C-alpha atoms as a PDB file:
ATOM      1  CA  UNK A   1    -169.654 -57.823  60.303  1.00  0.00           C
ATOM      2  CA  UNK A   2    -170.074 -56.690  56.711  1.00  0.00           C
ATOM      3  CA  UNK A   3    -169.946 -53.042  57.733  1.00  0.00           C
ATOM      4  CA  UNK A   4    -166.860 -53.709  59.862  1.00  0.00           C
ATOM      5  CA  UNK A   5    -165.230 -55.452  56.902  1.00  0.00           C
ATOM      6  CA  UNK A   6    -166.046 -52.545  54.587  1.00  0.00           C
ATOM      7  CA  UNK A   7    -164.507 -50.122  57.101  1.00  0.00           C
ATOM      8  CA  UNK A   8    -161.338 -52.236  57.183  1.00  0.00           C
ATOM      9  CA  UNK A   9    -161.150 -52.340  53.375  1.00  0.00           C
ATOM     10  CA  UNK A  10    -161.593 -48.558  53.183  1.00  0.00           C
ATOM     11  CA  UNK A  11    -158.901 -48.071  55.790  1.00  0.00           C
ATOM     12  CA  UNK A  12    -156.457 -50.375  53.982  1.00  0.00           C
ATOM     13  CA  UNK A  13    -157.044 -48.549  50.683  1.00  0.00           C
ATOM     14  CA  UNK A  14    -156.433 -45.157  52.357  1.00  0.00           C
ATOM     15  CA  UNK A  15    -153.368 -46.449  54.222  1.00  0.00           C
ATOM     16  CA  UNK A  16    -151.838 -47.893  51.055  1.00  0.00           C
ATOM     17  CA  UNK A  17    -152.377 -44.647  49.151  1.00  0.00           C
ATOM     18  CA  UNK A  18    -150.946 -42.522  51.985  1.00  0.00           C
ATOM     19  CA  UNK A  19    -147.840 -44.735  52.176  1.00  0.00           C
ATOM     20  CA  UNK A  20    -146.700 -43.505  48.773  1.00  0.00           C
ATOM     21  CA  UNK A  21    -145.839 -40.103  50.275  1.00  0.00           C
ATOM     22  CA  UNK A  22    -143.149 -41.345  52.691  1.00  0.00           C
ATOM     23  CA  UNK A  23    -139.623 -39.970  52.815  1.00  0.00           C
ATOM     24  CA  UNK A  24    -136.719 -42.096  51.604  1.00  0.00           C
ATOM     25  CA  UNK A  25    -135.465 -44.660  54.093  1.00  0.00           C
ATOM     26  CA  UNK A  26    -131.946 -44.327  55.465  1.00  0.00           C
ATOM     27  CA  UNK A  27    -132.038 -47.524  57.575  1.00  0.00           C
ATOM     28  CA  UNK A  28    -134.683 -50.217  58.106  1.00  0.00           C
ATOM     29  CA  UNK A  29    -135.447 -53.305  60.188  1.00  0.00           C
ATOM     30  CA  UNK A  30    -134.605 -56.656  58.647  1.00  0.00           C
ATOM     31  CA  UNK A  31    -136.958 -58.065  56.039  1.00  0.00           C
ATOM     32  CA  UNK A  32    -137.494 -61.115  58.281  1.00  0.00           C
ATOM     33  CA  UNK A  33    -138.640 -58.934  61.176  1.00  0.00           C
ATOM     34  CA  UNK A  34    -140.963 -56.942  58.910  1.00  0.00           C
ATOM     35  CA  UNK A  35    -142.385 -60.117  57.338  1.00  0.00           C
ATOM     36  CA  UNK A  36    -143.024 -61.631  60.773  1.00  0.00           C
ATOM     37  CA  UNK A  37    -144.930 -58.497  61.844  1.00  0.00           C
ATOM     38  CA  UNK A  38    -146.985 -58.490  58.643  1.00  0.00           C
ATOM     39  CA  UNK A  39    -147.858 -62.174  59.135  1.00  0.00           C
ATOM     40  CA  UNK A  40    -149.044 -61.439  62.669  1.00  0.00           C
ATOM     41  CA  UNK A  41    -151.101 -58.439  61.519  1.00  0.00           C
ATOM     42  CA  UNK A  42    -152.636 -60.190  58.536  1.00  0.00           C
ATOM     43  CA  UNK A  43    -153.270 -63.285  60.626  1.00  0.00           C
ATOM     44  CA  UNK A  44    -155.093 -61.174  63.204  1.00  0.00           C
ATOM     45  CA  UNK A  45    -157.249 -59.550  60.541  1.00  0.00           C
ATOM     46  CA  UNK A  46    -158.175 -62.905  58.978  1.00  0.00           C
ATOM     47  CA  UNK A  47    -158.852 -64.396  62.417  1.00  0.00           C
ATOM     48  CA  UNK A  48    -161.160 -61.465  63.252  1.00  0.00           C
ATOM     49  CA  UNK A  49    -163.490 -62.390  60.393  1.00  0.00           C
ATOM     50  CA  UNK A  50    -163.021 -66.146  60.116  1.00  0.00           C
ATOM     51  CA  UNK A  51    -165.382 -67.991  62.402  1.00  0.00           C
ATOM     52  CA  UNK A  52    -164.423 -71.608  63.095  1.00  0.00           C
ATOM     53  CA  UNK A  53    -164.896 -74.163  65.851  1.00  0.00           C
ATOM     54  CA  UNK A  54    -164.324 -73.960  68.758  1.00  0.00           C
ATOM     55  CA  UNK A  55    -163.799 -70.173  68.535  1.00  0.00           C
ATOM     56  CA  UNK A  56    -167.212 -69.557  66.935  1.00  0.00           C
ATOM     57  CA  UNK A  57    -168.894 -69.267  70.345  1.00  0.00           C
ATOM     58  CA  UNK A  58    -169.807 -65.899  71.806  1.00  0.00           C
ATOM     59  CA  UNK A  59    -167.746 -64.281  74.528  1.00  0.00           C
ATOM     60  CA  UNK A  60    -170.263 -61.438  74.727  1.00  0.00           C
ATOM     61  CA  UNK A  61    -174.030 -61.568  75.104  1.00  0.00           C
ATOM     62  CA  UNK A  62    -175.931 -60.778  71.902  1.00  0.00           C
ATOM     63  CA  UNK A  63    -177.109 -57.311  72.924  1.00  0.00           C
ATOM     64  CA  UNK A  64    -178.382 -55.263  69.984  1.00  0.00           C
ATOM     65  CA  UNK A  65    -176.446 -52.181  71.062  1.00  0.00           C
ATOM     66  CA  UNK A  66    -173.062 -53.973  70.860  1.00  0.00           C
ATOM     67  CA  UNK A  67    -172.925 -53.877  67.057  1.00  0.00           C
ATOM     68  CA  UNK A  68    -173.382 -50.094  66.727  1.00  0.00           C
ATOM     69  CA  UNK A  69    -171.091 -49.574  69.740  1.00  0.00           C
ATOM     70  CA  UNK A  70    -168.423 -51.742  68.094  1.00  0.00           C
ATOM     71  CA  UNK A  71    -168.721 -49.849  64.816  1.00  0.00           C
ATOM     72  CA  UNK A  72    -168.325 -46.549  66.703  1.00  0.00           C
ATOM     73  CA  UNK A  73    -165.227 -47.902  68.476  1.00  0.00           C
ATOM     74  CA  UNK A  74    -163.805 -49.118  65.162  1.00  0.00           C
ATOM     75  CA  UNK A  75    -164.538 -45.793  63.433  1.00  0.00           C
ATOM     76  CA  UNK A  76    -162.955 -43.886  66.320  1.00  0.00           C
ATOM     77  CA  UNK A  77    -159.817 -45.975  65.937  1.00  0.00           C
ATOM     78  CA  UNK A  78    -159.769 -45.226  62.214  1.00  0.00           C
ATOM     79  CA  UNK A  79    -160.057 -41.498  62.881  1.00  0.00           C
ATOM     80  CA  UNK A  80    -157.176 -41.674  65.364  1.00  0.00           C
ATOM     81  CA  UNK A  81    -155.019 -43.594  62.856  1.00  0.00           C
ATOM     82  CA  UNK A  82    -155.661 -41.026  60.114  1.00  0.00           C
ATOM     83  CA  UNK A  83    -154.976 -38.126  62.516  1.00  0.00           C
ATOM     84  CA  UNK A  84    -151.715 -39.725  63.664  1.00  0.00           C
ATOM     85  CA  UNK A  85    -150.645 -40.593  60.110  1.00  0.00           C
ATOM     86  CA  UNK A  86    -151.193 -36.996  59.006  1.00  0.00           C
ATOM     87  CA  UNK A  87    -149.044 -35.698  61.862  1.00  0.00           C
ATOM     88  CA  UNK A  88    -146.221 -38.086  60.994  1.00  0.00           C
ATOM     89  CA  UNK A  89    -146.307 -36.942  57.381  1.00  0.00           C
ATOM     90  CA  UNK A  90    -143.298 -38.166  55.422  1.00  0.00           C
ATOM     91  CA  UNK A  91    -141.769 -39.715  58.577  1.00  0.00           C
ATOM     92  CA  UNK A  92    -144.315 -42.571  58.464  1.00  0.00           C
ATOM     93  CA  UNK A  93    -143.306 -46.098  57.531  1.00  0.00           C
ATOM     94  CA  UNK A  94    -144.894 -49.486  58.041  1.00  0.00           C
ATOM     95  CA  UNK A  95    -141.444 -50.852  58.835  1.00  0.00           C
ATOM     96  CA  UNK A  96    -139.207 -49.737  61.666  1.00  0.00           C
ATOM     97  CA  UNK A  97    -136.960 -47.239  59.905  1.00  0.00           C
ATOM     98  CA  UNK A  98    -134.810 -44.170  60.125  1.00  0.00           C
ATOM     99  CA  UNK A  99    -135.896 -41.778  57.405  1.00  0.00           C
ATOM    100  CA  UNK A 100    -133.775 -39.264  55.575  1.00  0.00           C
ATOM    101  CA  UNK A 101    -134.182 -35.992  57.548  1.00  0.00           C
ATOM    102  CA  UNK A 102    -136.226 -37.862  60.173  1.00  0.00           C
ATOM    103  CA  UNK A 103    -137.864 -35.601  62.762  1.00  0.00           C
ATOM    104  CA  UNK A 104    -139.320 -36.454  66.167  1.00  0.00           C
ATOM    105  CA  UNK A 105    -143.053 -35.717  66.002  1.00  0.00           C
ATOM    106  CA  UNK A 106    -144.712 -34.606  69.258  1.00  0.00           C
ATOM    107  CA  UNK A 107    -147.805 -32.898  67.882  1.00  0.00           C
ATOM    108  CA  UNK A 108    -151.393 -34.047  67.483  1.00  0.00           C
ATOM    109  CA  UNK A 109    -151.975 -37.434  69.103  1.00  0.00           C
ATOM    110  CA  UNK A 110    -148.217 -37.758  69.666  1.00  0.00           C
ATOM    111  CA  UNK A 111    -148.615 -35.254  72.514  1.00  0.00           C
ATOM    112  CA  UNK A 112    -150.466 -37.971  74.441  1.00  0.00           C
ATOM    113  CA  UNK A 113    -148.962 -41.293  73.319  1.00  0.00           C
ATOM    114  CA  UNK A 114    -145.821 -42.307  71.463  1.00  0.00           C
ATOM    115  CA  UNK A 115    -147.554 -44.911  69.282  1.00  0.00           C
ATOM    116  CA  UNK A 116    -151.064 -43.626  68.499  1.00  0.00           C
ATOM    117  CA  UNK A 117    -151.280 -45.626  65.270  1.00  0.00           C
ATOM    118  CA  UNK A 118    -150.820 -48.818  67.277  1.00  0.00           C
ATOM    119  CA  UNK A 119    -153.431 -47.573  69.743  1.00  0.00           C
ATOM    120  CA  UNK A 120    -155.710 -46.921  66.769  1.00  0.00           C
ATOM    121  CA  UNK A 121    -155.200 -50.348  65.209  1.00  0.00           C
ATOM    122  CA  UNK A 122    -155.909 -52.071  68.524  1.00  0.00           C
ATOM    123  CA  UNK A 123    -159.005 -49.899  68.946  1.00  0.00           C
ATOM    124  CA  UNK A 124    -160.208 -50.759  65.446  1.00  0.00           C
ATOM    125  CA  UNK A 125    -159.829 -54.483  66.052  1.00  0.00           C
ATOM    126  CA  UNK A 126    -161.480 -54.149  69.463  1.00  0.00           C
ATOM    127  CA  UNK A 127    -164.449 -52.587  67.641  1.00  0.00           C
ATOM    128  CA  UNK A 128    -164.541 -55.530  65.249  1.00  0.00           C
ATOM    129  CA  UNK A 129    -164.425 -57.941  68.218  1.00  0.00           C
ATOM    130  CA  UNK A 130    -167.396 -56.129  69.775  1.00  0.00           C
ATOM    131  CA  UNK A 131    -169.320 -56.368  66.505  1.00  0.00           C
ATOM    132  CA  UNK A 132    -168.545 -60.079  66.217  1.00  0.00           C
ATOM    133  CA  UNK A 133    -168.869 -60.973  69.872  1.00  0.00           C
ATOM    134  CA  UNK A 134    -167.152 -64.306  69.137  1.00  0.00           C
ATOM    135  CA  UNK A 135    -163.970 -65.765  70.611  1.00  0.00           C
ATOM    136  CA  UNK A 136    -162.105 -65.796  67.268  1.00  0.00           C
ATOM    137  CA  UNK A 137    -162.352 -61.995  67.097  1.00  0.00           C
ATOM    138  CA  UNK A 138    -161.084 -61.642  70.660  1.00  0.00           C
ATOM    139  CA  UNK A 139    -158.215 -64.026  69.812  1.00  0.00           C
ATOM    140  CA  UNK A 140    -157.451 -61.786  66.812  1.00  0.00           C
ATOM    141  CA  UNK A 141    -157.209 -58.768  69.122  1.00  0.00           C
ATOM    142  CA  UNK A 142    -154.818 -60.681  71.407  1.00  0.00           C
ATOM    143  CA  UNK A 143    -152.664 -61.645  68.418  1.00  0.00           C
ATOM    144  CA  UNK A 144    -152.515 -58.010  67.294  1.00  0.00           C
ATOM    145  CA  UNK A 145    -151.664 -56.886  70.846  1.00  0.00           C
ATOM    146  CA  UNK A 146    -148.755 -59.356  70.805  1.00  0.00           C
ATOM    147  CA  UNK A 147    -147.611 -58.053  67.392  1.00  0.00           C
ATOM    148  CA  UNK A 148    -147.591 -54.447  68.574  1.00  0.00           C
ATOM    149  CA  UNK A 149    -145.968 -55.172  71.938  1.00  0.00           C
ATOM    150  CA  UNK A 150    -143.119 -56.777  69.994  1.00  0.00           C
ATOM    151  CA  UNK A 151    -142.940 -53.927  67.495  1.00  0.00           C
ATOM    152  CA  UNK A 152    -142.989 -51.239  70.184  1.00  0.00           C
ATOM    153  CA  UNK A 153    -139.901 -52.746  71.853  1.00  0.00           C
ATOM    154  CA  UNK A 154    -138.029 -52.782  68.530  1.00  0.00           C
ATOM    155  CA  UNK A 155    -139.202 -49.351  67.473  1.00  0.00           C
ATOM    156  CA  UNK A 156    -138.334 -47.703  70.782  1.00  0.00           C
ATOM    157  CA  UNK A 157    -134.752 -49.008  70.493  1.00  0.00           C
ATOM    158  CA  UNK A 158    -134.562 -47.611  66.959  1.00  0.00           C
ATOM    159  CA  UNK A 159    -135.939 -44.213  68.009  1.00  0.00           C
ATOM    160  CA  UNK A 160    -133.413 -43.952  70.849  1.00  0.00           C
ATOM    161  CA  UNK A 161    -130.678 -44.637  68.271  1.00  0.00           C
ATOM    162  CA  UNK A 162    -132.071 -41.994  65.920  1.00  0.00           C
ATOM    163  CA  UNK A 163    -132.990 -39.234  68.404  1.00  0.00           C
ATOM    164  CA  UNK A 164    -130.925 -40.060  71.505  1.00  0.00           C
ATOM    165  CA  UNK A 165    -131.676 -37.943  74.611  1.00  0.00           C
ATOM    166  CA  UNK A 166    -134.613 -36.175  72.901  1.00  0.00           C
ATOM    167  CA  UNK A 167    -136.434 -39.476  72.538  1.00  0.00           C
ATOM    168  CA  UNK A 168    -135.485 -40.577  76.051  1.00  0.00           C
ATOM    169  CA  UNK A 169    -137.035 -37.348  77.380  1.00  0.00           C
ATOM    170  CA  UNK A 170    -140.141 -37.854  75.229  1.00  0.00           C
ATOM    171  CA  UNK A 171    -140.427 -41.406  76.539  1.00  0.00           C
ATOM    172  CA  UNK A 172    -140.323 -40.189  80.155  1.00  0.00           C
ATOM    173  CA  UNK A 173    -142.968 -37.515  79.428  1.00  0.00           C
ATOM    174  CA  UNK A 174    -145.496 -39.666  77.524  1.00  0.00           C
ATOM    175  CA  UNK A 175    -147.334 -42.973  77.505  1.00  0.00           C
ATOM    176  CA  UNK A 176    -146.581 -45.676  74.955  1.00  0.00           C
ATOM    177  CA  UNK A 177    -150.113 -46.666  73.891  1.00  0.00           C
ATOM    178  CA  UNK A 178    -152.829 -45.770  76.407  1.00  0.00           C
ATOM    179  CA  UNK A 179    -152.611 -42.562  78.455  1.00  0.00           C
ATOM    180  CA  UNK A 180    -152.600 -43.338  82.167  1.00  0.00           C
ATOM    181  CA  UNK A 181    -152.030 -47.095  81.668  1.00  0.00           C
ATOM    182  CA  UNK A 182    -149.304 -48.106  79.218  1.00  0.00           C
END
């Protein structure tokens, strides 16, 4: 779990530094909506590492290979998040926004899914849950899945407002989070 925690800290440091290069915001979601999402995300991250009764029991057997497999899954999610963030460039924002000179990105991982950063975050937390093997980490993943299902609905409405028929076409031609499933 220490290695998983260090990976999360490294990711958060990178993400915070990369956020400074975003374009100015023309329109944004309400502060209440953004705060609610941040509470869900931060709650999920705390829950992933905080073992307490009755969620301190294992949902997975204690196979030795699960820890390295989980770290590989988590690292793969991190790589996807960085790749997606680089393709968004100055269009990126943690909040649901319309940027000044906003462009619809369909390159890199955005060729396959509309929300690869959300896919990446869910993958990272799934890796942490595999490393932990305990119910609290699985509950954290479920909480994050709820947070992103909510955010996807809000963000898709915003992107239709910003890009109109171009986004509607993109939505018909791509998957939201997982190619072939969602």
